[in-house]
Amino acid sequence: MIINYWSDDFVESAVTEREHIIKRWAHEILSSVNDQHTSIRGIGLIYGIEFKGPDSCAQTIKLCFKKGLVIENCGSYGQVLKLMPAISLELPLLVRGLKIIENALTDVSSGMEKKEVASEEESVV
C-alpha cells in the first residue's frame, strides 16, 4: 500500500510546496516579532520556533488554541513551538493555521496576552 504513494512525485511535491509556504511565512512574520523568539529551524514539514523562554511559547499556544488551532511545544524547557502539519492538509487550511500563529505571535510580542489573562482573572474575582 505505501509503495503506491511513491509511484509518482506527489508526496515529494506536496512536501516541497508546503515547506516553501512555511519557510516564506516564517521569515516574513518572525522578523517582525523577533523580540520573543531566538530562531526557527526545520526541514520538510517539521519546523520549530524557539522562544527565549517557555512563558512566551505557552502564551502563544494558549492564544492559538482559543482560535481553534491545536499546536504543541517541545524542547528541553518547553520553549519551542512545534510546527508539524499533515502532508494531506489542504493549502488554504495551512495558510489559515499560519495566520492564527502569526496573530498569536504578534499579540504575545505586543503584550496583549498578558493583558487578556489579567482581565480574565479580574472577571473571576
PDB file of N, CA and C in Angstrom:
ATOM      1  N   MET A   1       0.819  -1.196   0.000  1.00  0.00           N
ATOM      2  CA  MET A   1       0.000   0.000   0.000  1.00  0.00           C
ATOM      3  C   MET A   1       0.862   1.259   0.000  1.00  0.00           C
ATOM      4  N   ILE A   2       1.864   1.334   0.869  1.00  0.00           N
ATOM      5  CA  ILE A   2       2.709   2.517   0.958  1.00  0.00           C
ATOM      6  C   ILE A   2       3.475   2.745  -0.335  1.00  0.00           C
ATOM      7  N   ILE A   3       3.868   1.708  -0.992  1.00  0.00           N
ATOM      8  CA  ILE A   3       4.635   1.848  -2.232  1.00  0.00           C
ATOM      9  C   ILE A   3       3.869   2.674  -3.272  1.00  0.00           C
ATOM     10  N   ASN A   4       2.538   2.659  -3.229  1.00  0.00           N
ATOM     11  CA  ASN A   4       1.742   3.437  -4.171  1.00  0.00           C
ATOM     12  C   ASN A   4       1.963   4.940  -4.017  1.00  0.00           C
ATOM     13  N   TYR A   5       2.257   5.393  -2.804  1.00  0.00           N
ATOM     14  CA  TYR A   5       2.497   6.817  -2.594  1.00  0.00           C
ATOM     15  C   TYR A   5       3.756   7.294  -3.321  1.00  0.00           C
ATOM     16  N   TRP A   6       4.686   6.401  -3.501  1.00  0.00           N
ATOM     17  CA  TRP A   6       5.956   6.766  -4.131  1.00  0.00           C
ATOM     18  C   TRP A   6       5.995   6.389  -5.613  1.00  0.00           C
ATOM     19  N   SER A   7       4.852   6.002  -6.168  1.00  0.00           N
ATOM     20  CA  SER A   7       4.827   5.634  -7.586  1.00  0.00           C
ATOM     21  C   SER A   7       4.939   6.857  -8.492  1.00  0.00           C
ATOM     22  N   ASP A   8       4.681   8.021  -7.964  1.00  0.00           N
ATOM     23  CA  ASP A   8       4.896   9.272  -8.701  1.00  0.00           C
ATOM     24  C   ASP A   8       5.500  10.286  -7.734  1.00  0.00           C
ATOM     25  N   ASP A   9       5.579  11.532  -8.120  1.00  0.00           N
ATOM     26  CA  ASP A   9       6.231  12.532  -7.274  1.00  0.00           C
ATOM     27  C   ASP A   9       5.257  13.324  -6.408  1.00  0.00           C
ATOM     28  N   PHE A  10       4.049  12.798  -6.162  1.00  0.00           N
ATOM     29  CA  PHE A  10       3.046  13.510  -5.389  1.00  0.00           C
ATOM     30  C   PHE A  10       3.538  13.878  -3.988  1.00  0.00           C
ATOM     31  N   VAL A  11       4.065  12.904  -3.265  1.00  0.00           N
ATOM     32  CA  VAL A  11       4.487  13.145  -1.882  1.00  0.00           C
ATOM     33  C   VAL A  11       5.608  14.173  -1.849  1.00  0.00           C
ATOM     34  N   GLU A  12       6.594  13.978  -2.688  1.00  0.00           N
ATOM     35  CA  GLU A  12       7.724  14.911  -2.711  1.00  0.00           C
ATOM     36  C   GLU A  12       7.286  16.326  -3.074  1.00  0.00           C
ATOM     37  N   SER A  13       6.424  16.458  -4.066  1.00  0.00           N
ATOM     38  CA  SER A  13       5.975  17.797  -4.469  1.00  0.00           C
ATOM     39  C   SER A  13       5.063  18.423  -3.419  1.00  0.00           C
ATOM     40  N   ALA A  14       4.250  17.611  -2.741  1.00  0.00           N
ATOM     41  CA  ALA A  14       3.373  18.138  -1.684  1.00  0.00           C
ATOM     42  C   ALA A  14       4.202  18.664  -0.517  1.00  0.00           C
ATOM     43  N   VAL A  15       5.224  17.925  -0.125  1.00  0.00           N
ATOM     44  CA  VAL A  15       6.092  18.369   0.967  1.00  0.00           C
ATOM     45  C   VAL A  15       6.833  19.639   0.562  1.00  0.00           C
ATOM     46  N   THR A  16       7.384  19.643  -0.633  1.00  0.00           N
ATOM     47  CA  THR A  16       8.146  20.809  -1.110  1.00  0.00           C
ATOM     48  C   THR A  16       7.275  22.056  -1.172  1.00  0.00           C
ATOM     49  N   GLU A  17       6.055  21.909  -1.672  1.00  0.00           N
ATOM     50  CA  GLU A  17       5.141  23.048  -1.782  1.00  0.00           C
ATOM     51  C   GLU A  17       4.780  23.612  -0.402  1.00  0.00           C
ATOM     52  N   ARG A  18       4.459  22.732   0.512  1.00  0.00           N
ATOM     53  CA  ARG A  18       4.079  23.167   1.856  1.00  0.00           C
ATOM     54  C   ARG A  18       5.284  23.728   2.625  1.00  0.00           C
ATOM     55  N   GLU A  19       6.443  23.114   2.428  1.00  0.00           N
ATOM     56  CA  GLU A  19       7.650  23.622   3.081  1.00  0.00           C
ATOM     57  C   GLU A  19       7.966  25.040   2.593  1.00  0.00           C
ATOM     58  N   HIS A  20       7.813  25.270   1.312  1.00  0.00           N
ATOM     59  CA  HIS A  20       8.072  26.602   0.754  1.00  0.00           C
ATOM     60  C   HIS A  20       7.150  27.643   1.408  1.00  0.00           C
ATOM     61  N   ILE A  21       5.883  27.297   1.580  1.00  0.00           N
ATOM     62  CA  ILE A  21       4.919  28.210   2.206  1.00  0.00           C
ATOM     63  C   ILE A  21       5.319  28.500   3.653  1.00  0.00           C
ATOM     64  N   ILE A  22       5.663  27.458   4.398  1.00  0.00           N
ATOM     65  CA  ILE A  22       6.054  27.627   5.804  1.00  0.00           C
ATOM     66  C   ILE A  22       7.329  28.456   5.916  1.00  0.00           C
ATOM     67  N   LYS A  23       8.328  28.148   5.096  1.00  0.00           N
ATOM     68  CA  LYS A  23       9.605  28.867   5.140  1.00  0.00           C
ATOM     69  C   LYS A  23       9.425  30.349   4.836  1.00  0.00           C
ATOM     70  N   ARG A  24       8.678  30.642   3.784  1.00  0.00           N
ATOM     71  CA  ARG A  24       8.449  32.038   3.396  1.00  0.00           C
ATOM     72  C   ARG A  24       7.701  32.775   4.515  1.00  0.00           C
ATOM     73  N   TRP A  25       6.649  32.147   5.051  1.00  0.00           N
ATOM     74  CA  TRP A  25       5.870  32.748   6.140  1.00  0.00           C
ATOM     75  C   TRP A  25       6.768  33.006   7.346  1.00  0.00           C
ATOM     76  N   ALA A  26       7.555  32.006   7.710  1.00  0.00           N
ATOM     77  CA  ALA A  26       8.386  32.115   8.903  1.00  0.00           C
ATOM     78  C   ALA A  26       9.340  33.294   8.812  1.00  0.00           C
ATOM     79  N   HIS A  27       9.985  33.435   7.695  1.00  0.00           N
ATOM     80  CA  HIS A  27      10.961  34.513   7.576  1.00  0.00           C
ATOM     81  C   HIS A  27      10.295  35.883   7.508  1.00  0.00           C
ATOM     82  N   GLU A  28       9.093  35.948   6.961  1.00  0.00           N
ATOM     83  CA  GLU A  28       8.376  37.224   6.906  1.00  0.00           C
ATOM     84  C   GLU A  28       7.852  37.642   8.276  1.00  0.00           C
ATOM     85  N   ILE A  29       7.143  36.759   8.946  1.00  0.00           N
ATOM     86  CA  ILE A  29       6.496  37.136  10.202  1.00  0.00           C
ATOM     87  C   ILE A  29       7.483  37.179  11.368  1.00  0.00           C
ATOM     88  N   LEU A  30       8.399  36.254  11.406  1.00  0.00           N
ATOM     89  CA  LEU A  30       9.275  36.188  12.561  1.00  0.00           C
ATOM     90  C   LEU A  30      10.257  37.355  12.621  1.00  0.00           C
ATOM     91  N   SER A  31      10.535  37.964  11.501  1.00  0.00           N
ATOM     92  CA  SER A  31      11.402  39.140  11.541  1.00  0.00           C
ATOM     93  C   SER A  31      10.696  40.313  12.220  1.00  0.00           C
ATOM     94  N   SER A  32       9.363  40.309  12.204  1.00  0.00           N
ATOM     95  CA  SER A  32       8.618  41.409  12.819  1.00  0.00           C
ATOM     96  C   SER A  32       8.336  41.185  14.311  1.00  0.00           C
ATOM     97  N   VAL A  33       8.488  39.970  14.801  1.00  0.00           N
ATOM     98  CA  VAL A  33       8.272  39.685  16.233  1.00  0.00           C
ATOM     99  C   VAL A  33       9.522  39.050  16.843  1.00  0.00           C
ATOM    100  N   ASN A  34      10.656  39.490  16.405  1.00  0.00           N
ATOM    101  CA  ASN A  34      11.928  38.888  16.790  1.00  0.00           C
ATOM    102  C   ASN A  34      12.261  39.015  18.264  1.00  0.00           C
ATOM    103  N   ASP A  35      11.596  39.871  18.998  1.00  0.00           N
ATOM    104  CA  ASP A  35      11.924  40.035  20.408  1.00  0.00           C
ATOM    105  C   ASP A  35      11.529  38.828  21.263  1.00  0.00           C
ATOM    106  N   GLN A  36      10.630  37.976  20.786  1.00  0.00           N
ATOM    107  CA  GLN A  36      10.153  36.843  21.578  1.00  0.00           C
ATOM    108  C   GLN A  36      10.821  35.518  21.234  1.00  0.00           C
ATOM    109  N   HIS A  37      11.387  35.396  20.053  1.00  0.00           N
ATOM    110  CA  HIS A  37      11.982  34.126  19.668  1.00  0.00           C
ATOM    111  C   HIS A  37      13.454  34.306  19.350  1.00  0.00           C
ATOM    112  N   THR A  38      14.167  33.214  19.358  1.00  0.00           N
ATOM    113  CA  THR A  38      15.583  33.288  19.049  1.00  0.00           C
ATOM    114  C   THR A  38      15.904  32.696  17.692  1.00  0.00           C
ATOM    115  N   SER A  39      15.152  31.678  17.269  1.00  0.00           N
ATOM    116  CA  SER A  39      15.465  31.070  15.977  1.00  0.00           C
ATOM    117  C   SER A  39      14.309  30.214  15.484  1.00  0.00           C
ATOM    118  N   ILE A  40      14.381  29.905  14.207  1.00  0.00           N
ATOM    119  CA  ILE A  40      13.473  28.931  13.610  1.00  0.00           C
ATOM    120  C   ILE A  40      14.334  27.977  12.801  1.00  0.00           C
ATOM    121  N   ARG A  41      14.000  26.720  12.917  1.00  0.00           N
ATOM    122  CA  ARG A  41      14.735  25.736  12.134  1.00  0.00           C
ATOM    123  C   ARG A  41      13.830  24.563  11.821  1.00  0.00           C
ATOM    124  N   GLY A  42      14.196  23.870  10.780  1.00  0.00           N
ATOM    125  CA  GLY A  42      13.439  22.714  10.389  1.00  0.00           C
ATOM    126  C   GLY A  42      13.732  22.312   8.968  1.00  0.00           C
ATOM    127  N   ILE A  43      13.021  21.301   8.551  1.00  0.00           N
ATOM    128  CA  ILE A  43      13.147  20.793   7.195  1.00  0.00           C
ATOM    129  C   ILE A  43      11.856  20.069   6.857  1.00  0.00           C
ATOM    130  N   GLY A  44      11.486  20.119   5.599  1.00  0.00           N
ATOM    131  CA  GLY A  44      10.259  19.452   5.181  1.00  0.00           C
ATOM    132  C   GLY A  44       9.063  20.074   5.866  1.00  0.00           C
ATOM    133  N   LEU A  45       8.298  19.260   6.570  1.00  0.00           N
ATOM    134  CA  LEU A  45       7.112  19.748   7.269  1.00  0.00           C
ATOM    135  C   LEU A  45       7.283  19.732   8.782  1.00  0.00           C
ATOM    136  N   ILE A  46       8.522  19.712   9.234  1.00  0.00           N
ATOM    137  CA  ILE A  46       8.779  19.742  10.670  1.00  0.00           C
ATOM    138  C   ILE A  46       9.649  20.963  10.965  1.00  0.00           C
ATOM    139  N   TYR A  47       9.048  21.938  11.635  1.00  0.00           N
ATOM    140  CA  TYR A  47       9.745  23.170  11.984  1.00  0.00           C
ATOM    141  C   TYR A  47       9.531  23.485  13.452  1.00  0.00           C
ATOM    142  N   GLY A  48      10.428  24.243  14.021  1.00  0.00           N
ATOM    143  CA  GLY A  48      10.298  24.689  15.397  1.00  0.00           C
ATOM    144  C   GLY A  48      10.690  26.145  15.509  1.00  0.00           C
ATOM    145  N   ILE A  49       9.901  26.885  16.262  1.00  0.00           N
ATOM    146  CA  ILE A  49      10.221  28.273  16.579  1.00  0.00           C
ATOM    147  C   ILE A  49      10.674  28.280  18.033  1.00  0.00           C
ATOM    148  N   GLU A  50      11.946  28.590  18.241  1.00  0.00           N
ATOM    149  CA  GLU A  50      12.467  28.599  19.603  1.00  0.00           C
ATOM    150  C   GLU A  50      12.302  29.982  20.214  1.00  0.00           C
ATOM    151  N   PHE A  51      11.680  30.022  21.374  1.00  0.00           N
ATOM    152  CA  PHE A  51      11.474  31.264  22.114  1.00  0.00           C
ATOM    153  C   PHE A  51      12.590  31.440  23.127  1.00  0.00           C
ATOM    154  N   LYS A  52      12.704  32.639  23.648  1.00  0.00           N
ATOM    155  CA  LYS A  52      13.710  32.922  24.670  1.00  0.00           C
ATOM    156  C   LYS A  52      13.406  32.181  25.965  1.00  0.00           C
ATOM    157  N   GLY A  53      12.155  31.846  26.180  1.00  0.00           N
ATOM    158  CA  GLY A  53      11.762  31.107  27.373  1.00  0.00           C
ATOM    159  C   GLY A  53      10.419  30.430  27.151  1.00  0.00           C
ATOM    160  N   PRO A  54      10.040  29.539  28.055  1.00  0.00           N
ATOM    161  CA  PRO A  54       8.804  28.778  27.890  1.00  0.00           C
ATOM    162  C   PRO A  54       7.530  29.603  28.057  1.00  0.00           C
ATOM    163  N   ASP A  55       7.580  30.727  28.759  1.00  0.00           N
ATOM    164  CA  ASP A  55       6.367  31.511  29.005  1.00  0.00           C
ATOM    165  C   ASP A  55       5.769  32.069  27.715  1.00  0.00           C
ATOM    166  N   SER A  56       6.598  32.652  26.866  1.00  0.00           N
ATOM    167  CA  SER A  56       6.100  33.211  25.604  1.00  0.00           C
ATOM    168  C   SER A  56       5.563  32.118  24.701  1.00  0.00           C
ATOM    169  N   CYS A  57       6.208  30.975  24.721  1.00  0.00           N
ATOM    170  CA  CYS A  57       5.743  29.839  23.917  1.00  0.00           C
ATOM    171  C   CYS A  57       4.372  29.374  24.426  1.00  0.00           C
ATOM    172  N   ALA A  58       4.236  29.253  25.734  1.00  0.00           N
ATOM    173  CA  ALA A  58       2.972  28.818  26.340  1.00  0.00           C
ATOM    174  C   ALA A  58       1.844  29.816  26.044  1.00  0.00           C
ATOM    175  N   GLN A  59       2.156  31.100  26.101  1.00  0.00           N
ATOM    176  CA  GLN A  59       1.151  32.117  25.790  1.00  0.00           C
ATOM    177  C   GLN A  59       0.704  32.023  24.331  1.00  0.00           C
ATOM    178  N   THR A  60       1.650  31.775  23.442  1.00  0.00           N
ATOM    179  CA  THR A  60       1.331  31.633  22.018  1.00  0.00           C
ATOM    180  C   THR A  60       0.429  30.428  21.791  1.00  0.00           C
ATOM    181  N   ILE A  61       0.741  29.321  22.432  1.00  0.00           N
ATOM    182  CA  ILE A  61      -0.070  28.104  22.314  1.00  0.00           C
ATOM    183  C   ILE A  61      -1.491  28.363  22.815  1.00  0.00           C
ATOM    184  N   LYS A  62      -1.606  29.055  23.934  1.00  0.00           N
ATOM    185  CA  LYS A  62      -2.915  29.352  24.515  1.00  0.00           C
ATOM    186  C   LYS A  62      -3.775  30.180  23.550  1.00  0.00           C
ATOM    187  N   LEU A  63      -3.165  31.203  22.958  1.00  0.00           N
ATOM    188  CA  LEU A  63      -3.907  32.037  22.006  1.00  0.00           C
ATOM    189  C   LEU A  63      -4.298  31.248  20.755  1.00  0.00           C
ATOM    190  N   CYS A  64      -3.404  30.411  20.272  1.00  0.00           N
ATOM    191  CA  CYS A  64      -3.724  29.582  19.103  1.00  0.00           C
ATOM    192  C   CYS A  64      -4.914  28.675  19.406  1.00  0.00           C
ATOM    193  N   PHE A  65      -4.909  28.061  20.582  1.00  0.00           N
ATOM    194  CA  PHE A  65      -5.988  27.163  20.966  1.00  0.00           C
ATOM    195  C   PHE A  65      -7.320  27.895  21.030  1.00  0.00           C
ATOM    196  N   LYS A  66      -7.301  29.121  21.553  1.00  0.00           N
ATOM    197  CA  LYS A  66      -8.533  29.918  21.622  1.00  0.00           C
ATOM    198  C   LYS A  66      -9.107  30.199  20.234  1.00  0.00           C
ATOM    199  N   LYS A  67      -8.242  30.205  19.231  1.00  0.00           N
ATOM    200  CA  LYS A  67      -8.680  30.448  17.851  1.00  0.00           C
ATOM    201  C   LYS A  67      -8.916  29.155  17.075  1.00  0.00           C
ATOM    202  N   GLY A  68      -8.858  28.017  17.771  1.00  0.00           N
ATOM    203  CA  GLY A  68      -9.189  26.744  17.145  1.00  0.00           C
ATOM    204  C   GLY A  68      -8.024  25.963  16.577  1.00  0.00           C
ATOM    205  N   LEU A  69      -6.795  26.364  16.886  1.00  0.00           N
ATOM    206  CA  LEU A  69      -5.625  25.654  16.378  1.00  0.00           C
ATOM    207  C   LEU A  69      -4.933  24.925  17.516  1.00  0.00           C
ATOM    208  N   VAL A  70      -4.829  23.621  17.380  1.00  0.00           N
ATOM    209  CA  VAL A  70      -4.123  22.825  18.377  1.00  0.00           C
ATOM    210  C   VAL A  70      -2.668  22.732  17.922  1.00  0.00           C
ATOM    211  N   ILE A  71      -1.771  23.184  18.787  1.00  0.00           N
ATOM    212  CA  ILE A  71      -0.346  23.191  18.471  1.00  0.00           C
ATOM    213  C   ILE A  71       0.402  22.864  19.746  1.00  0.00           C
ATOM    214  N   GLU A  72       1.565  22.247  19.616  1.00  0.00           N
ATOM    215  CA  GLU A  72       2.311  21.776  20.778  1.00  0.00           C
ATOM    216  C   GLU A  72       3.635  22.490  20.934  1.00  0.00           C
ATOM    217  N   ASN A  73       4.173  22.354  22.131  1.00  0.00           N
ATOM    218  CA  ASN A  73       5.533  22.807  22.360  1.00  0.00           C
ATOM    219  C   ASN A  73       6.442  21.604  22.530  1.00  0.00           C
ATOM    220  N   CYS A  74       7.721  21.847  22.441  1.00  0.00           N
ATOM    221  CA  CYS A  74       8.722  20.821  22.678  1.00  0.00           C
ATOM    222  C   CYS A  74       9.985  21.537  23.121  1.00  0.00           C
ATOM    223  N   GLY A  75      11.084  20.846  23.191  1.00  0.00           N
ATOM    224  CA  GLY A  75      12.335  21.441  23.640  1.00  0.00           C
ATOM    225  C   GLY A  75      12.599  21.090  25.087  1.00  0.00           C
ATOM    226  N   SER A  76      13.810  21.302  25.492  1.00  0.00           N
ATOM    227  CA  SER A  76      14.248  20.938  26.850  1.00  0.00           C
ATOM    228  C   SER A  76      13.418  21.584  27.940  1.00  0.00           C
ATOM    229  N   TYR A  77      12.952  22.816  27.677  1.00  0.00           N
ATOM    230  CA  TYR A  77      12.204  23.569  28.688  1.00  0.00           C
ATOM    231  C   TYR A  77      10.812  23.968  28.207  1.00  0.00           C
ATOM    232  N   GLY A  78      10.338  23.350  27.111  1.00  0.00           N
ATOM    233  CA  GLY A  78       9.036  23.708  26.570  1.00  0.00           C
ATOM    234  C   GLY A  78       9.060  25.045  25.855  1.00  0.00           C
ATOM    235  N   GLN A  79      10.217  25.444  25.364  1.00  0.00           N
ATOM    236  CA  GLN A  79      10.397  26.766  24.771  1.00  0.00           C
ATOM    237  C   GLN A  79      10.303  26.771  23.242  1.00  0.00           C
ATOM    238  N   VAL A  80       9.967  25.633  22.633  1.00  0.00           N
ATOM    239  CA  VAL A  80       9.906  25.541  21.180  1.00  0.00           C
ATOM    240  C   VAL A  80       8.473  25.274  20.737  1.00  0.00           C
ATOM    241  N   LEU A  81       7.977  26.110  19.836  1.00  0.00           N
ATOM    242  CA  LEU A  81       6.657  25.916  19.241  1.00  0.00           C
ATOM    243  C   LEU A  81       6.837  24.994  18.048  1.00  0.00           C
ATOM    244  N   LYS A  82       6.184  23.845  18.093  1.00  0.00           N
ATOM    245  CA  LYS A  82       6.376  22.818  17.072  1.00  0.00           C
ATOM    246  C   LYS A  82       5.358  22.979  15.944  1.00  0.00           C
ATOM    247  N   LEU A  83       5.856  23.135  14.724  1.00  0.00           N
ATOM    248  CA  LEU A  83       5.012  23.173  13.529  1.00  0.00           C
ATOM    249  C   LEU A  83       5.203  21.850  12.800  1.00  0.00           C
ATOM    250  N   MET A  84       4.125  21.068  12.698  1.00  0.00           N
ATOM    251  CA  MET A  84       4.220  19.775  12.055  1.00  0.00           C
ATOM    252  C   MET A  84       2.889  19.444  11.368  1.00  0.00           C
ATOM    253  N   PRO A  85       2.563  20.203  10.307  1.00  0.00           N
ATOM    254  CA  PRO A  85       1.280  19.966   9.639  1.00  0.00           C
ATOM    255  C   PRO A  85       1.263  18.645   8.868  1.00  0.00           C
ATOM    256  N   ALA A  86       0.086  18.093   8.732  1.00  0.00           N
ATOM    257  CA  ALA A  86      -0.077  16.851   7.977  1.00  0.00           C
ATOM    258  C   ALA A  86       0.194  17.100   6.501  1.00  0.00           C
ATOM    259  N   ILE A  87       0.778  16.128   5.853  1.00  0.00           N
ATOM    260  CA  ILE A  87       1.063  16.259   4.425  1.00  0.00           C
ATOM    261  C   ILE A  87      -0.224  16.383   3.609  1.00  0.00           C
ATOM    262  N   SER A  88      -1.310  15.854   4.139  1.00  0.00           N
ATOM    263  CA  SER A  88      -2.585  15.888   3.422  1.00  0.00           C
ATOM    264  C   SER A  88      -3.371  17.178   3.669  1.00  0.00           C
ATOM    265  N   LEU A  89      -2.835  18.059   4.504  1.00  0.00           N
ATOM    266  CA  LEU A  89      -3.519  19.307   4.827  1.00  0.00           C
ATOM    267  C   LEU A  89      -3.649  20.167   3.569  1.00  0.00           C
ATOM    268  N   GLU A  90      -4.861  20.591   3.297  1.00  0.00           N
ATOM    269  CA  GLU A  90      -5.091  21.436   2.124  1.00  0.00           C
ATOM    270  C   GLU A  90      -4.415  22.784   2.330  1.00  0.00           C
ATOM    271  N   LEU A  91      -3.928  23.366   1.256  1.00  0.00           N
ATOM    272  CA  LEU A  91      -3.163  24.605   1.335  1.00  0.00           C
ATOM    273  C   LEU A  91      -3.915  25.757   2.011  1.00  0.00           C
ATOM    274  N   PRO A  92      -5.211  25.963   1.723  1.00  0.00           N
ATOM    275  CA  PRO A  92      -5.919  27.050   2.422  1.00  0.00           C
ATOM    276  C   PRO A  92      -5.957  26.856   3.936  1.00  0.00           C
ATOM    277  N   LEU A  93      -6.040  25.611   4.400  1.00  0.00           N
ATOM    278  CA  LEU A  93      -6.029  25.350   5.844  1.00  0.00           C
ATOM    279  C   LEU A  93      -4.646  25.585   6.437  1.00  0.00           C
ATOM    280  N   LEU A  94      -3.611  25.246   5.681  1.00  0.00           N
ATOM    281  CA  LEU A  94      -2.257  25.513   6.139  1.00  0.00           C
ATOM    282  C   LEU A  94      -2.052  27.014   6.327  1.00  0.00           C
ATOM    283  N   VAL A  95      -2.458  27.787   5.341  1.00  0.00           N
ATOM    284  CA  VAL A  95      -2.314  29.246   5.402  1.00  0.00           C
ATOM    285  C   VAL A  95      -3.143  29.805   6.554  1.00  0.00           C
ATOM    286  N   ARG A  96      -4.328  29.266   6.760  1.00  0.00           N
ATOM    287  CA  ARG A  96      -5.187  29.713   7.874  1.00  0.00           C
ATOM    288  C   ARG A  96      -4.524  29.442   9.219  1.00  0.00           C
ATOM    289  N   GLY A  97      -3.938  28.264   9.360  1.00  0.00           N
ATOM    290  CA  GLY A  97      -3.242  27.928  10.602  1.00  0.00           C
ATOM    291  C   GLY A  97      -2.045  28.829  10.842  1.00  0.00           C
ATOM    292  N   LEU A  98      -1.287  29.115   9.785  1.00  0.00           N
ATOM    293  CA  LEU A  98      -0.140  30.011   9.915  1.00  0.00           C
ATOM    294  C   LEU A  98      -0.585  31.414  10.304  1.00  0.00           C
ATOM    295  N   LYS A  99      -1.722  31.835   9.794  1.00  0.00           N
ATOM    296  CA  LYS A  99      -2.261  33.158  10.143  1.00  0.00           C
ATOM    297  C   LYS A  99      -2.641  33.204  11.627  1.00  0.00           C
ATOM    298  N   ILE A 100      -3.212  32.132  12.146  1.00  0.00           N
ATOM    299  CA  ILE A 100      -3.555  32.060  13.571  1.00  0.00           C
ATOM    300  C   ILE A 100      -2.280  32.173  14.411  1.00  0.00           C
ATOM    301  N   ILE A 101      -1.242  31.450  14.012  1.00  0.00           N
ATOM    302  CA  ILE A 101       0.030  31.516  14.734  1.00  0.00           C
ATOM    303  C   ILE A 101       0.608  32.926  14.648  1.00  0.00           C
ATOM    304  N   GLU A 102       0.546  33.507  13.464  1.00  0.00           N
ATOM    305  CA  GLU A 102       1.048  34.871  13.260  1.00  0.00           C
ATOM    306  C   GLU A 102       0.356  35.861  14.189  1.00  0.00           C
ATOM    307  N   ASN A 103      -0.962  35.781  14.261  1.00  0.00           N
ATOM    308  CA  ASN A 103      -1.717  36.680  15.143  1.00  0.00           C
ATOM    309  C   ASN A 103      -1.340  36.458  16.609  1.00  0.00           C
ATOM    310  N   ALA A 104      -1.181  35.201  17.000  1.00  0.00           N
ATOM    311  CA  ALA A 104      -0.803  34.896  18.377  1.00  0.00           C
ATOM    312  C   ALA A 104       0.595  35.424  18.683  1.00  0.00           C
ATOM    313  N   LEU A 105       1.535  35.235  17.763  1.00  0.00           N
ATOM    314  CA  LEU A 105       2.896  35.741  17.959  1.00  0.00           C
ATOM    315  C   LEU A 105       2.898  37.260  18.098  1.00  0.00           C
ATOM    316  N   THR A 106       2.105  37.919  17.265  1.00  0.00           N
ATOM    317  CA  THR A 106       2.017  39.376  17.321  1.00  0.00           C
ATOM    318  C   THR A 106       1.433  39.832  18.649  1.00  0.00           C
ATOM    319  N   ASP A 107       0.364  39.160  19.088  1.00  0.00           N
ATOM    320  CA  ASP A 107      -0.264  39.514  20.364  1.00  0.00           C
ATOM    321  C   ASP A 107       0.690  39.306  21.544  1.00  0.00           C
ATOM    322  N   VAL A 108       1.400  38.189  21.547  1.00  0.00           N
ATOM    323  CA  VAL A 108       2.334  37.914  22.634  1.00  0.00           C
ATOM    324  C   VAL A 108       3.478  38.917  22.591  1.00  0.00           C
ATOM    325  N   SER A 109       3.946  39.219  21.407  1.00  0.00           N
ATOM    326  CA  SER A 109       5.040  40.175  21.249  1.00  0.00           C
ATOM    327  C   SER A 109       4.656  41.570  21.745  1.00  0.00           C
ATOM    328  N   SER A 110       3.396  41.941  21.524  1.00  0.00           N
ATOM    329  CA  SER A 110       2.950  43.271  21.947  1.00  0.00           C
ATOM    330  C   SER A 110       2.450  43.289  23.389  1.00  0.00           C
ATOM    331  N   GLY A 111       2.402  42.144  24.032  1.00  0.00           N
ATOM    332  CA  GLY A 111       1.978  42.084  25.426  1.00  0.00           C
ATOM    333  C   GLY A 111       0.479  41.917  25.600  1.00  0.00           C
ATOM    334  N   MET A 112      -0.284  41.714  24.517  1.00  0.00           N
ATOM    335  CA  MET A 112      -1.744  41.586  24.622  1.00  0.00           C
ATOM    336  C   MET A 112      -2.160  40.369  25.428  1.00  0.00           C
ATOM    337  N   GLU A 113      -1.423  39.259  25.342  1.00  0.00           N
ATOM    338  CA  GLU A 113      -1.789  38.045  26.066  1.00  0.00           C
ATOM    339  C   GLU A 113      -1.770  38.295  27.559  1.00  0.00           C
ATOM    340  N   LYS A 114      -0.787  39.011  28.057  1.00  0.00           N
ATOM    341  CA  LYS A 114      -0.717  39.281  29.495  1.00  0.00           C
ATOM    342  C   LYS A 114      -1.893  40.134  29.938  1.00  0.00           C
ATOM    343  N   LYS A 115      -2.282  41.107  29.106  1.00  0.00           N
ATOM    344  CA  LYS A 115      -3.436  41.943  29.433  1.00  0.00           C
ATOM    345  C   LYS A 115      -4.711  41.118  29.452  1.00  0.00           C
ATOM    346  N   GLU A 116      -4.816  40.188  28.492  1.00  0.00           N
ATOM    347  CA  GLU A 116      -6.005  39.339  28.385  1.00  0.00           C
ATOM    348  C   GLU A 116      -6.115  38.433  29.618  1.00  0.00           C
ATOM    349  N   VAL A 117      -5.005  37.859  30.045  1.00  0.00           N
ATOM    350  CA  VAL A 117      -5.002  37.000  31.233  1.00  0.00           C
ATOM    351  C   VAL A 117      -5.392  37.801  32.464  1.00  0.00           C
ATOM    352  N   ALA A 118      -4.875  39.015  32.585  1.00  0.00           N
ATOM    353  CA  ALA A 118      -5.196  39.865  33.731  1.00  0.00           C
ATOM    354  C   ALA A 118      -6.681  40.196  33.754  1.00  0.00           C
ATOM    355  N   SER A 119      -7.277  40.487  32.592  1.00  0.00           N
ATOM    356  CA  SER A 119      -8.707  40.819  32.557  1.00  0.00           C
ATOM    357  C   SER A 119      -9.565  39.592  32.861  1.00  0.00           C
ATOM    358  N   GLU A 120      -9.101  38.394  32.456  1.00  0.00           N
ATOM    359  CA  GLU A 120      -9.825  37.161  32.789  1.00  0.00           C
ATOM    360  C   GLU A 120      -9.809  36.933  34.298  1.00  0.00           C
ATOM    361  N   GLU A 121      -8.661  37.191  34.922  1.00  0.00           N
ATOM    362  CA  GLU A 121      -8.540  36.997  36.367  1.00  0.00           C
ATOM    363  C   GLU A 121      -9.422  38.003  37.114  1.00  0.00           C
ATOM    364  N   GLU A 122      -9.522  39.216  36.621  1.00  0.00           N
ATOM    365  CA  GLU A 122     -10.360  40.224  37.264  1.00  0.00           C
ATOM    366  C   GLU A 122     -11.831  39.856  37.179  1.00  0.00           C
ATOM    367  N   SER A 123     -12.245  39.254  36.056  1.00  0.00           N
ATOM    368  CA  SER A 123     -13.649  38.904  35.892  1.00  0.00           C
ATOM    369  C   SER A 123     -14.048  37.740  36.796  1.00  0.00           C
ATOM    370  N   VAL A 124     -13.068  36.922  37.197  1.00  0.00           N
ATOM    371  CA  VAL A 124     -13.333  35.802  38.100  1.00  0.00           C
ATOM    372  C   VAL A 124     -13.549  36.299  39.516  1.00  0.00           C
ATOM    373  N   VAL A 125     -12.827  37.347  39.883  1.00  0.00           N
ATOM    374  CA  VAL A 125     -12.871  37.874  41.258  1.00  0.00           C
ATOM    375  C   VAL A 125     -14.160  38.563  41.541  1.00  0.00           C
TER     376      VAL A 125
END
